[in-house]
Amino acid sequence: MKRSTAALIIAVVVVVAAIALVVVLPMMTAPRLEVSTIKIGALEPLTGPFATWGKKHLAGAQLAVKEINEKGGVLGAKLELVVYDDKNDAKEAVAALQKMVEVDKVVAVMGPVSSGIGVALAPEANKVKVPLLLHMAGSHRILTLDNRYVFRTCLPAAPMNAAPVAQFIKEQNLKNVANIIASYEWGFAIKDASDRLIKTISGVDYQLEEAPVGERDFTTYLRKIEPLKPDVVITLGHPPGGPTIVKQALELGLRPKYFIGSYTPVDNWLAVLGEDRLIEAGLLEFSCINFDAPEYRQIAEKFYKETGLWFDIHAATGYLNVYLIANAIEKTRSVDPVKIAEYIRTSTFNHPILAWPLRYTEWGEFAEARIILYKFERGDPGPINPGAKWVPKVVFRSAPVEPYRPEQ
């Protein structure tokens, strides 16, 4: 009897221990955050000249939030986007950032497009110690050597874009080069970089024209470059005017071998040129996204079903921005903005649809950007963009571009 009783007691202890393990182990392997909701700021240009950029970026971010929340959120906490329109106004943007941090308690902010907005927001983000993910905003003046909270996520600093364009011009043996820039922060940055890297190419005849950022009639500027008979017309420094520049150039009879775009949403190109002219113009656009990845097609098809829109680089950037932040929260197991920023700055974020891994210098610049130029080739895109006549075709991939190092 004593042996039986002892054996019974041992058996009960074993069963209880096993039950305890069943209860405890899931808690050990799936830690949860102490918050139920994580707020991410989306500070977007939803009105003004960059509204198309902002709306596509926001739509991509919304898809990522939906996907993550449907899978249970981040360590048990649901994501929520806090959306503000920066109205392409620096004072408005700074006030919105302050409110997001102080009132809404966001863990990070994303969305700036205009370089002027980026320049205004960067010191504020470093002051309040909240990570700021730049959608575009490529001026080389935005990041300083002591920056620790602002990161580029698609568009490298201006000089880093001019370098691959110069490489492409050399490879294609283009001799007559015209460049039209806008009179604002990004345009001036492209001018400075182009003067150093493109204008100085041996054998190149180079001409630059400067137009207001809100210009809609580029006839005067195009007439000035007409005698050059350009092999290529660069609109990189005038994102809002790019489509109109190309349209009016074609109407004037200018037929360069290439037009080079400005990270402009395809919606803008289509609205001005239409599909046939877009395909036939010889337009090359920039990309930070790998269109050839199978994962890209899967996400693009899903995005089209949700929005009826093509999953371009701006929607993809919004989508990836959310995953970049979520990954940092998961890895640090924290919603502390300081820890999130530190993890982003010191780690590498890989995703199959990225054209290059997001790895950063100490000051938040891309450490190994590999810029893509693609054209609009006639073809059937299938379910990622039903009914369209074109597909993106990559024509140039740069070697890793040396990170721009700020002077101070």
Protein backbone atom coordinates (compact mmCIF):
# COMPACT_ATOMS: atom_id res chain seq x y z
CA MET A 1 0.00 0.00 0.00
CA LYS A 2 2.79 2.41 0.86
CA ARG A 3 4.47 1.77 -2.49
CA SER A 4 1.20 2.28 -4.32
CA THR A 5 0.51 5.50 -2.45
CA ALA A 6 4.02 6.79 -3.18
CA ALA A 7 3.70 5.87 -6.83
CA LEU A 8 0.34 7.65 -7.01
CA ILE A 9 1.77 10.79 -5.43
CA ILE A 10 4.69 10.79 -7.89
CA ALA A 11 2.31 10.34 -10.82
CA VAL A 12 0.16 13.26 -9.63
CA VAL A 13 3.23 15.47 -9.26
CA VAL A 14 4.40 14.58 -12.77
CA VAL A 15 0.97 15.37 -14.25
CA VAL A 16 0.75 18.70 -12.39
CA ALA A 17 4.25 19.62 -13.54
CA ALA A 18 3.37 18.75 -17.11
CA ILE A 19 0.24 20.90 -16.93
CA ALA A 20 2.30 23.76 -15.50
CA LEU A 21 4.74 23.46 -18.38
CA VAL A 22 1.90 23.57 -20.88
CA VAL A 23 0.65 26.77 -19.25
CA VAL A 24 4.04 28.43 -18.71
CA LEU A 25 5.91 27.60 -21.92
CA PRO A 26 3.69 29.59 -24.29
CA MET A 27 4.16 32.61 -22.04
CA MET A 28 7.92 32.14 -22.18
CA THR A 29 8.02 31.79 -25.99
CA ALA A 30 5.49 34.52 -26.81
CA PRO A 31 6.14 37.60 -24.63
CA ARG A 32 3.56 40.33 -24.96
CA LEU A 33 3.90 44.07 -24.70
CA GLU A 34 2.30 45.93 -21.82
CA VAL A 35 0.28 48.08 -24.23
CA SER A 36 -2.70 47.03 -26.32
CA THR A 37 -2.19 49.60 -29.09
CA ILE A 38 0.93 50.96 -30.77
CA LYS A 39 0.50 54.30 -32.53
CA ILE A 40 2.59 55.18 -35.60
CA GLY A 41 2.49 58.69 -37.02
CA ALA A 42 1.81 59.15 -40.74
CA LEU A 43 2.74 62.77 -41.50
CA GLU A 44 1.82 62.90 -45.17
CA PRO A 45 1.44 65.59 -47.87
CA LEU A 46 -2.21 64.80 -48.58
CA THR A 47 -2.81 68.18 -50.24
CA GLY A 48 -0.54 70.36 -52.35
CA PRO A 49 1.98 69.46 -55.10
CA PHE A 50 3.09 66.20 -53.47
CA ALA A 51 -0.38 64.85 -52.62
CA THR A 52 -0.08 61.86 -54.98
CA TRP A 53 3.13 60.80 -53.25
CA GLY A 54 1.51 61.08 -49.82
CA LYS A 55 -1.71 59.28 -50.69
CA LYS A 56 0.09 56.31 -52.23
CA HIS A 57 2.50 56.08 -49.29
CA LEU A 58 -0.41 56.14 -46.84
CA ALA A 59 -2.30 53.45 -48.78
CA GLY A 60 0.73 51.16 -48.64
CA ALA A 61 1.12 51.78 -44.91
CA GLN A 62 -2.55 50.98 -44.32
CA LEU A 63 -2.18 47.63 -46.08
CA ALA A 64 0.79 46.71 -43.89
CA VAL A 65 -1.08 47.69 -40.70
CA LYS A 66 -4.04 45.57 -41.79
CA GLU A 67 -1.82 42.56 -42.52
CA ILE A 68 0.01 42.80 -39.20
CA ASN A 69 -3.15 43.28 -37.14
CA GLU A 70 -4.86 40.35 -38.85
CA LYS A 71 -1.96 38.20 -37.69
CA GLY A 72 -2.31 39.31 -34.08
CA GLY A 73 -0.37 42.56 -34.11
CA VAL A 74 3.14 43.06 -32.75
CA LEU A 75 3.71 40.95 -29.63
CA GLY A 76 -0.03 41.06 -28.99
CA ALA A 77 -0.46 44.82 -29.54
CA LYS A 78 -2.43 46.19 -32.48
CA LEU A 79 -0.99 48.90 -34.72
CA GLU A 80 -2.81 52.18 -35.33
CA LEU A 81 -1.90 54.91 -37.80
CA VAL A 82 -2.26 58.50 -36.62
CA VAL A 83 -2.60 60.52 -39.84
CA TYR A 84 -1.86 64.23 -40.32
CA ASP A 85 -1.61 66.31 -43.50
CA ASP A 86 1.59 68.39 -43.57
CA LYS A 87 -0.03 70.56 -46.32
CA ASN A 88 3.47 71.01 -47.77
CA ASP A 89 4.04 73.65 -45.09
CA ALA A 90 7.07 73.44 -42.78
CA LYS A 91 5.40 75.15 -39.79
CA GLU A 92 2.33 72.93 -40.17
CA ALA A 93 4.56 69.84 -40.30
CA VAL A 94 6.55 70.75 -37.18
CA ALA A 95 3.35 71.49 -35.22
CA ALA A 96 1.88 68.15 -36.33
CA LEU A 97 5.01 66.26 -35.30
CA GLN A 98 4.95 67.87 -31.86
CA LYS A 99 1.29 66.95 -31.40
CA MET A 100 1.90 63.36 -32.52
CA VAL A 101 4.65 62.99 -29.94
CA GLU A 102 3.16 64.91 -27.02
CA VAL A 103 -0.56 64.13 -27.40
CA ASP A 104 -0.91 61.01 -29.54
CA LYS A 105 2.19 59.31 -28.04
CA VAL A 106 3.39 57.79 -31.31
CA VAL A 107 6.47 55.55 -31.27
CA ALA A 108 7.68 56.71 -34.70
CA VAL A 109 6.69 59.03 -37.55
CA MET A 110 6.91 58.48 -41.31
CA GLY A 111 5.87 60.21 -44.51
CA PRO A 112 7.79 63.45 -45.38
CA VAL A 113 8.21 63.97 -49.15
CA SER A 114 9.35 67.56 -49.67
CA SER A 115 12.99 68.29 -48.85
CA GLY A 116 11.93 71.57 -47.27
CA ILE A 117 9.70 69.65 -44.87
CA GLY A 118 12.49 67.19 -44.14
CA VAL A 119 14.93 69.98 -43.30
CA ALA A 120 12.41 71.49 -40.87
CA LEU A 121 11.47 68.20 -39.20
CA ALA A 122 14.89 66.60 -38.71
CA PRO A 123 16.08 68.84 -35.83
CA GLU A 124 12.69 68.44 -34.13
CA ALA A 125 12.79 64.62 -34.38
CA ASN A 126 16.25 64.59 -32.83
CA LYS A 127 15.10 66.99 -30.11
CA VAL A 128 12.10 64.86 -29.07
CA LYS A 129 14.03 61.59 -29.72
CA VAL A 130 11.43 59.92 -31.93
CA PRO A 131 12.41 58.07 -35.14
CA LEU A 132 11.41 59.87 -38.33
CA LEU A 133 11.32 57.82 -41.55
CA LEU A 134 11.67 59.93 -44.68
CA HIS A 135 9.54 58.72 -47.57
CA MET A 136 11.29 60.99 -50.08
CA ALA A 137 12.87 64.31 -48.86
CA GLY A 138 16.32 63.76 -50.36
CA SER A 139 18.18 66.99 -49.67
CA HIS A 140 21.72 66.36 -48.46
CA ARG A 141 21.16 69.04 -45.78
CA ILE A 142 18.55 67.01 -43.89
CA LEU A 143 20.93 64.61 -42.17
CA THR A 144 23.80 65.94 -40.07
CA LEU A 145 26.64 63.92 -38.54
CA ASP A 146 25.02 64.07 -35.10
CA ASN A 147 21.61 62.87 -36.36
CA ARG A 148 20.43 59.68 -34.64
CA TYR A 149 16.67 59.67 -35.23
CA VAL A 150 16.04 60.45 -38.92
CA PHE A 151 16.35 57.73 -41.59
CA ARG A 152 15.96 57.59 -45.36
CA THR A 153 13.81 54.70 -46.60
CA CYS A 154 13.58 55.01 -50.43
CA LEU A 155 15.24 58.16 -51.75
CA PRO A 156 18.99 58.57 -51.07
CA ALA A 157 20.61 61.96 -50.62
CA ALA A 158 20.70 64.07 -53.80
CA PRO A 159 24.38 63.44 -54.65
CA MET A 160 23.78 59.71 -54.42
CA ASN A 161 21.15 59.96 -57.19
CA ALA A 162 23.27 62.11 -59.49
CA ALA A 163 26.11 59.56 -59.34
CA PRO A 164 24.15 56.68 -60.95
CA VAL A 165 22.72 59.07 -63.56
CA ALA A 166 26.28 60.08 -64.43
CA GLN A 167 27.22 56.40 -64.65
CA PHE A 168 24.26 55.73 -66.96
CA ILE A 169 25.17 58.69 -69.21
CA LYS A 170 28.72 57.36 -69.56
CA GLU A 171 27.59 53.79 -70.27
CA GLN A 172 25.11 54.97 -72.93
CA ASN A 173 27.64 57.43 -74.41
CA LEU A 174 25.15 60.30 -74.21
CA LYS A 175 26.76 63.58 -75.24
CA ASN A 176 24.11 66.31 -75.06
CA VAL A 177 22.58 66.51 -71.61
CA ALA A 178 19.79 68.89 -70.52
CA ASN A 179 18.73 69.23 -66.89
CA ILE A 180 15.65 71.08 -65.57
CA ILE A 181 15.43 71.70 -61.82
CA ALA A 182 12.97 73.40 -59.47
CA SER A 183 13.72 76.42 -57.29
CA TYR A 184 13.53 74.68 -53.91
CA GLU A 185 15.66 72.60 -51.56
CA TRP A 186 15.68 69.34 -53.57
CA GLY A 187 16.15 71.07 -56.91
CA PHE A 188 19.15 73.06 -55.66
CA ALA A 189 20.66 69.87 -54.21
CA ILE A 190 20.33 68.11 -57.58
CA LYS A 191 21.87 71.15 -59.31
CA ASP A 192 24.92 71.09 -57.03
CA ALA A 193 25.41 67.34 -57.45
CA SER A 194 24.86 67.48 -61.22
CA ASP A 195 27.36 70.31 -61.61
CA ARG A 196 29.99 68.15 -59.92
CA LEU A 197 29.17 64.74 -61.35
CA ILE A 198 27.44 65.21 -64.74
CA LYS A 199 28.56 68.58 -66.07
CA THR A 200 32.21 67.52 -65.66
CA ILE A 201 31.93 64.30 -67.73
CA SER A 202 34.46 64.48 -70.55
CA GLY A 203 32.86 65.17 -73.93
CA VAL A 204 29.44 66.10 -72.52
CA ASP A 205 27.68 69.31 -73.58
CA TYR A 206 25.59 70.19 -70.52
CA GLN A 207 22.82 72.76 -70.03
CA LEU A 208 20.77 73.43 -66.89
CA GLU A 209 17.55 75.42 -66.57
CA GLU A 210 15.84 76.43 -63.32
CA ALA A 211 12.03 76.79 -63.01
CA PRO A 212 9.73 77.59 -60.05
CA VAL A 213 8.50 74.54 -58.14
CA GLY A 214 4.89 75.37 -59.07
CA GLU A 215 5.58 76.02 -62.77
CA ARG A 216 3.14 74.50 -65.27
CA ASP A 217 4.33 76.02 -68.54
CA PHE A 218 7.88 74.91 -69.34
CA THR A 219 7.85 76.08 -72.96
CA THR A 220 10.37 78.88 -72.34
CA TYR A 221 12.84 76.54 -70.63
CA LEU A 222 12.45 73.87 -73.30
CA ARG A 223 13.00 76.42 -76.07
CA LYS A 224 16.31 77.30 -74.41
CA ILE A 225 17.52 73.69 -74.50
CA GLU A 226 16.13 73.01 -78.00
CA PRO A 227 19.34 74.11 -79.82
CA LEU A 228 21.28 71.56 -77.74
CA LYS A 229 19.35 68.71 -79.39
CA PRO A 230 19.60 66.75 -76.13
CA ASP A 231 20.22 63.01 -76.03
CA VAL A 232 18.70 63.02 -72.56
CA VAL A 233 16.49 65.43 -70.59
CA ILE A 234 16.78 65.03 -66.82
CA THR A 235 13.78 66.04 -64.68
CA LEU A 236 15.15 64.54 -61.45
CA GLY A 237 15.37 67.99 -59.86
CA HIS A 238 11.75 68.94 -60.62
CA PRO A 239 9.45 66.17 -59.29
CA PRO A 240 6.14 68.11 -59.51
CA GLY A 241 6.84 69.25 -63.07
CA GLY A 242 8.36 66.10 -64.58
CA PRO A 243 5.29 64.82 -66.47
CA THR A 244 4.45 68.26 -67.85
CA ILE A 245 8.05 68.81 -68.94
CA VAL A 246 8.00 65.57 -70.92
CA LYS A 247 4.59 66.27 -72.46
CA GLN A 248 5.50 69.78 -73.56
CA ALA A 249 8.91 68.67 -74.83
CA LEU A 250 7.25 66.08 -77.08
CA GLU A 251 4.73 68.66 -78.29
CA LEU A 252 7.60 70.97 -79.25
CA GLY A 253 9.20 68.19 -81.26
CA LEU A 254 12.04 67.38 -78.85
CA ARG A 255 12.88 63.68 -79.19
CA PRO A 256 15.72 62.78 -76.86
CA LYS A 257 16.68 59.14 -76.55
CA TYR A 258 15.75 59.27 -72.87
CA PHE A 259 13.84 61.34 -70.38
CA ILE A 260 14.93 60.64 -66.81
CA GLY A 261 12.21 61.04 -64.19
CA SER A 262 12.14 62.12 -60.58
CA TYR A 263 10.71 59.33 -58.38
CA THR A 264 7.34 60.63 -59.60
CA PRO A 265 4.25 58.43 -59.02
CA VAL A 266 3.14 56.63 -62.15
CA ASP A 267 -0.36 58.04 -61.58
CA ASN A 268 1.05 61.50 -62.32
CA TRP A 269 2.78 60.33 -65.50
CA LEU A 270 -0.35 58.60 -66.75
CA ALA A 271 -2.60 61.56 -65.98
CA VAL A 272 -0.47 63.84 -68.17
CA LEU A 273 0.89 61.53 -70.87
CA GLY A 274 -1.51 58.61 -71.14
CA GLU A 275 -0.31 55.03 -71.55
CA ASP A 276 0.82 55.04 -75.18
CA ARG A 277 2.90 58.18 -74.91
CA LEU A 278 4.32 57.02 -71.57
CA ILE A 279 5.54 53.81 -73.23
CA GLU A 280 6.88 55.54 -76.34
CA ALA A 281 8.59 58.54 -74.69
CA GLY A 282 11.74 56.69 -73.62
CA LEU A 283 11.05 57.61 -70.01
CA LEU A 284 13.23 56.10 -67.29
CA GLU A 285 12.16 56.26 -63.65
CA PHE A 286 13.96 55.48 -60.40
CA SER A 287 13.10 52.61 -58.09
CA CYS A 288 14.04 51.42 -54.61
CA ILE A 289 11.87 48.33 -55.17
CA ASN A 290 12.74 45.02 -56.84
CA PHE A 291 9.91 44.57 -59.34
CA ASP A 292 11.27 41.14 -60.35
CA ALA A 293 10.76 39.54 -56.92
CA PRO A 294 7.88 36.99 -56.74
CA GLU A 295 6.94 38.53 -53.39
CA TYR A 296 6.48 41.88 -55.09
CA ARG A 297 3.85 40.43 -57.41
CA GLN A 298 2.03 38.81 -54.48
CA ILE A 299 1.84 42.05 -52.50
CA ALA A 300 1.05 44.12 -55.61
CA GLU A 301 -1.87 41.87 -56.48
CA LYS A 302 -3.22 42.16 -52.95
CA PHE A 303 -2.75 45.94 -52.99
CA TYR A 304 -4.63 46.25 -56.28
CA LYS A 305 -7.55 44.24 -54.88
CA GLU A 306 -7.65 46.55 -51.86
CA THR A 307 -7.23 49.89 -53.64
CA GLY A 308 -7.58 49.45 -57.42
CA LEU A 309 -4.11 50.99 -57.76
CA TRP A 310 -0.69 49.84 -58.94
CA PHE A 311 1.75 49.06 -56.12
CA ASP A 312 4.41 51.61 -57.05
CA ILE A 313 7.54 52.58 -55.12
CA HIS A 314 5.62 55.07 -52.97
CA ALA A 315 2.97 52.58 -51.85
CA ALA A 316 5.72 50.00 -51.33
CA THR A 317 7.72 52.45 -49.21
CA GLY A 318 4.72 53.08 -46.93
CA TYR A 319 4.20 49.33 -46.67
CA LEU A 320 7.86 48.71 -45.79
CA ASN A 321 8.04 51.63 -43.35
CA VAL A 322 5.40 49.98 -41.18
CA TYR A 323 7.20 46.63 -41.29
CA LEU A 324 10.52 48.32 -40.47
CA ILE A 325 9.02 49.89 -37.34
CA ALA A 326 7.15 46.71 -36.36
CA ASN A 327 10.33 44.66 -36.75
CA ALA A 328 12.24 47.05 -34.46
CA ILE A 329 9.50 46.84 -31.82
CA GLU A 330 9.46 43.05 -32.00
CA LYS A 331 13.25 42.72 -31.81
CA THR A 332 13.64 45.17 -28.91
CA ARG A 333 10.38 44.05 -27.24
CA SER A 334 9.83 47.70 -26.51
CA VAL A 335 7.75 50.67 -27.61
CA ASP A 336 10.39 53.11 -26.41
CA PRO A 337 11.14 55.39 -29.41
CA VAL A 338 14.80 55.68 -28.34
CA LYS A 339 15.26 51.90 -28.43
CA ILE A 340 13.37 51.64 -31.73
CA ALA A 341 15.62 54.27 -33.35
CA GLU A 342 18.77 52.65 -31.98
CA TYR A 343 17.76 49.26 -33.37
CA ILE A 344 16.94 50.67 -36.82
CA ARG A 345 20.25 52.53 -36.95
CA THR A 346 22.44 49.60 -35.88
CA SER A 347 20.74 46.65 -37.61
CA THR A 348 19.88 45.60 -41.17
CA PHE A 349 16.32 45.29 -42.43
CA ASN A 350 15.87 42.92 -45.35
CA HIS A 351 12.72 42.36 -47.37
CA PRO A 352 12.43 40.52 -50.71
CA ILE A 353 10.91 43.52 -52.49
CA LEU A 354 13.66 45.94 -51.48
CA ALA A 355 16.24 46.84 -54.14
CA TRP A 356 18.85 46.98 -51.39
CA PRO A 357 18.98 46.10 -47.65
CA LEU A 358 18.14 48.96 -45.30
CA ARG A 359 21.45 49.33 -43.49
CA TYR A 360 22.49 52.72 -42.19
CA THR A 361 25.44 54.92 -41.39
CA GLU A 362 25.56 56.43 -37.91
CA TRP A 363 23.79 59.52 -39.25
CA GLY A 364 20.90 57.66 -40.97
CA GLU A 365 22.07 57.58 -44.61
CA PHE A 366 21.88 54.41 -46.73
CA ALA A 367 25.07 52.41 -46.33
CA GLU A 368 24.66 50.41 -49.55
CA ALA A 369 22.02 51.88 -51.86
CA ARG A 370 21.76 50.17 -55.29
CA ILE A 371 19.63 52.46 -57.44
CA ILE A 372 17.43 51.09 -60.22
CA LEU A 373 16.28 52.78 -63.42
CA TYR A 374 13.31 51.19 -65.18
CA LYS A 375 11.27 51.88 -68.29
CA PHE A 376 7.62 51.37 -69.14
CA GLU A 377 7.59 48.44 -71.57
CA ARG A 378 4.52 47.43 -73.52
CA GLY A 379 3.01 44.26 -72.02
CA ASP A 380 0.27 42.73 -69.89
CA PRO A 381 0.95 43.13 -66.14
CA GLY A 382 -1.80 40.66 -65.21
CA PRO A 383 -3.55 40.87 -61.83
CA ILE A 384 -1.11 43.39 -60.33
CA ASN A 385 -2.52 46.08 -62.64
CA PRO A 386 -5.39 44.67 -64.73
CA GLY A 387 -6.11 46.38 -68.02
CA ALA A 388 -2.84 48.30 -68.18
CA LYS A 389 -0.75 48.15 -71.38
CA TRP A 390 2.67 48.28 -69.72
CA VAL A 391 5.01 46.56 -67.29
CA PRO A 392 8.04 47.97 -65.43
CA LYS A 393 11.26 46.79 -67.08
CA VAL A 394 14.55 47.29 -65.23
CA VAL A 395 17.25 48.68 -67.55
CA PHE A 396 19.96 49.75 -65.09
CA ARG A 397 21.14 48.72 -61.61
CA SER A 398 23.91 50.70 -60.00
CA ALA A 399 26.71 49.28 -57.94
CA PRO A 400 26.46 50.18 -54.23
CA VAL A 401 26.54 53.97 -54.02
CA GLU A 402 28.96 55.55 -51.60
CA PRO A 403 26.99 57.08 -48.70
CA TYR A 404 26.88 60.85 -48.68
CA ARG A 405 28.73 62.19 -45.65
CA PRO A 406 27.46 65.54 -44.35
CA GLU A 407 30.00 68.29 -43.86
CA GLN A 408 28.88 68.80 -40.26
